[in-house]
């Protein structure tokens, strides 16, 4: 298994952005995955992590993204290698 470390600031910034947009997302996207570009604040919703990632990567190919399952406390950040 390959482990990539992510800057803690990415996690903090991603969570901060998610908390600002969660009220917009939860009513219609509960249980789906959101990918957030922490620099721009732009986000992409998918039914799966792969779908959200693919949508985000179309625009932000080489960026660190924050992922969260909408409506839960589960989150992660993925670093591009």
C-alpha atoms as a PDB file:
ATOM      1  CA  UNK A   1       0.000   0.000   0.000  1.00  0.00           C
ATOM      2  CA  UNK A   2       1.245   3.494  -0.856  1.00  0.00           C
ATOM      3  CA  UNK A   3       0.547   6.189   1.697  1.00  0.00           C
ATOM      4  CA  UNK A   4       0.657   9.835   0.723  1.00  0.00           C
ATOM      5  CA  UNK A   5       0.785  12.430   3.491  1.00  0.00           C
ATOM      6  CA  UNK A   6      -1.380  15.469   3.120  1.00  0.00           C
ATOM      7  CA  UNK A   7      -0.685  18.843   4.648  1.00  0.00           C
ATOM      8  CA  UNK A   8      -2.940  19.304   7.678  1.00  0.00           C
ATOM      9  CA  UNK A   9      -3.839  22.757   6.347  1.00  0.00           C
ATOM     10  CA  UNK A  10      -5.571  21.066   3.372  1.00  0.00           C
ATOM     11  CA  UNK A  11      -7.754  19.081   5.755  1.00  0.00           C
ATOM     12  CA  UNK A  12      -8.548  22.159   7.842  1.00  0.00           C
ATOM     13  CA  UNK A  13      -9.328  24.332   4.818  1.00  0.00           C
ATOM     14  CA  UNK A  14     -11.438  21.596   3.201  1.00  0.00           C
ATOM     15  CA  UNK A  15     -13.466  21.108   6.355  1.00  0.00           C
ATOM     16  CA  UNK A  16     -13.946  24.872   6.682  1.00  0.00           C
ATOM     17  CA  UNK A  17     -15.257  25.107   3.109  1.00  0.00           C
ATOM     18  CA  UNK A  18     -17.483  22.053   3.557  1.00  0.00           C
ATOM     19  CA  UNK A  19     -19.070  23.537   6.682  1.00  0.00           C
ATOM     20  CA  UNK A  20     -19.896  26.693   4.699  1.00  0.00           C
ATOM     21  CA  UNK A  21     -21.610  24.793   1.850  1.00  0.00           C
ATOM     22  CA  UNK A  22     -23.112  21.806   3.658  1.00  0.00           C
ATOM     23  CA  UNK A  23     -26.531  23.413   4.087  1.00  0.00           C
ATOM     24  CA  UNK A  24     -26.723  23.782   0.296  1.00  0.00           C
ATOM     25  CA  UNK A  25     -25.585  20.196  -0.323  1.00  0.00           C
ATOM     26  CA  UNK A  26     -27.324  18.094   2.318  1.00  0.00           C
ATOM     27  CA  UNK A  27     -30.970  18.493   1.281  1.00  0.00           C
ATOM     28  CA  UNK A  28     -30.448  17.087  -2.227  1.00  0.00           C
ATOM     29  CA  UNK A  29     -27.073  15.270  -2.140  1.00  0.00           C
ATOM     30  CA  UNK A  30     -27.104  13.514   1.247  1.00  0.00           C
ATOM     31  CA  UNK A  31     -24.882  10.406   1.166  1.00  0.00           C
ATOM     32  CA  UNK A  32     -23.040  11.421  -2.011  1.00  0.00           C
ATOM     33  CA  UNK A  33     -19.375  12.459  -2.187  1.00  0.00           C
ATOM     34  CA  UNK A  34     -18.151  16.025  -2.597  1.00  0.00           C
ATOM     35  CA  UNK A  35     -14.660  16.847  -3.895  1.00  0.00           C
ATOM     36  CA  UNK A  36     -13.478  20.331  -2.931  1.00  0.00           C
ATOM     37  CA  UNK A  37     -10.555  22.237  -4.416  1.00  0.00           C
ATOM     38  CA  UNK A  38      -9.278  23.962  -1.286  1.00  0.00           C
ATOM     39  CA  UNK A  39      -7.660  26.834  -3.192  1.00  0.00           C
ATOM     40  CA  UNK A  40     -10.692  27.966  -5.192  1.00  0.00           C
ATOM     41  CA  UNK A  41     -13.487  26.562  -3.007  1.00  0.00           C
ATOM     42  CA  UNK A  42     -15.103  25.042  -6.072  1.00  0.00           C
ATOM     43  CA  UNK A  43     -16.733  21.682  -5.459  1.00  0.00           C
ATOM     44  CA  UNK A  44     -17.911  18.673  -7.440  1.00  0.00           C
ATOM     45  CA  UNK A  45     -20.542  16.127  -6.361  1.00  0.00           C
ATOM     46  CA  UNK A  46     -20.625  12.480  -7.381  1.00  0.00           C
ATOM     47  CA  UNK A  47     -22.395   9.303  -6.365  1.00  0.00           C
ATOM     48  CA  UNK A  48     -18.981   7.759  -5.651  1.00  0.00           C
ATOM     49  CA  UNK A  49     -15.534   9.034  -4.720  1.00  0.00           C
ATOM     50  CA  UNK A  50     -14.318   8.113  -8.200  1.00  0.00           C
ATOM     51  CA  UNK A  51     -17.098  10.091  -9.892  1.00  0.00           C
ATOM     52  CA  UNK A  52     -16.504  13.199  -7.730  1.00  0.00           C
ATOM     53  CA  UNK A  53     -12.752  12.867  -8.298  1.00  0.00           C
ATOM     54  CA  UNK A  54     -13.157  12.544 -12.075  1.00  0.00           C
ATOM     55  CA  UNK A  55     -15.328  15.660 -12.222  1.00  0.00           C
ATOM     56  CA  UNK A  56     -12.812  17.645 -10.168  1.00  0.00           C
ATOM     57  CA  UNK A  57      -9.817  16.366 -12.164  1.00  0.00           C
ATOM     58  CA  UNK A  58     -11.372  17.591 -15.421  1.00  0.00           C
ATOM     59  CA  UNK A  59     -10.780  21.129 -14.160  1.00  0.00           C
ATOM     60  CA  UNK A  60      -8.111  20.734 -11.467  1.00  0.00           C
ATOM     61  CA  UNK A  61      -5.721  18.068 -12.691  1.00  0.00           C
ATOM     62  CA  UNK A  62      -2.810  18.575 -10.293  1.00  0.00           C
ATOM     63  CA  UNK A  63      -4.398  19.875  -7.104  1.00  0.00           C
ATOM     64  CA  UNK A  64      -4.937  18.470  -3.650  1.00  0.00           C
ATOM     65  CA  UNK A  65      -8.603  17.803  -3.075  1.00  0.00           C
ATOM     66  CA  UNK A  66     -10.678  17.388   0.055  1.00  0.00           C
ATOM     67  CA  UNK A  67     -13.385  14.722  -0.056  1.00  0.00           C
ATOM     68  CA  UNK A  68     -16.354  14.293   2.254  1.00  0.00           C
ATOM     69  CA  UNK A  69     -19.435  12.115   2.332  1.00  0.00           C
ATOM     70  CA  UNK A  70     -22.254  14.653   2.418  1.00  0.00           C
ATOM     71  CA  UNK A  71     -24.274  14.507   5.613  1.00  0.00           C
ATOM     72  CA  UNK A  72     -21.661  12.574   7.622  1.00  0.00           C
ATOM     73  CA  UNK A  73     -18.416  13.268   9.444  1.00  0.00           C
ATOM     74  CA  UNK A  74     -16.363  11.083   7.084  1.00  0.00           C
ATOM     75  CA  UNK A  75     -13.742  13.023   5.131  1.00  0.00           C
ATOM     76  CA  UNK A  76     -10.313  12.673   3.546  1.00  0.00           C
ATOM     77  CA  UNK A  77      -7.827  14.532   1.456  1.00  0.00           C
ATOM     78  CA  UNK A  78      -5.930  13.064  -1.463  1.00  0.00           C
ATOM     79  CA  UNK A  79      -2.609  14.351  -2.712  1.00  0.00           C
ATOM     80  CA  UNK A  80      -1.636  14.141  -6.349  1.00  0.00           C
ATOM     81  CA  UNK A  81       1.607  12.216  -6.791  1.00  0.00           C
END
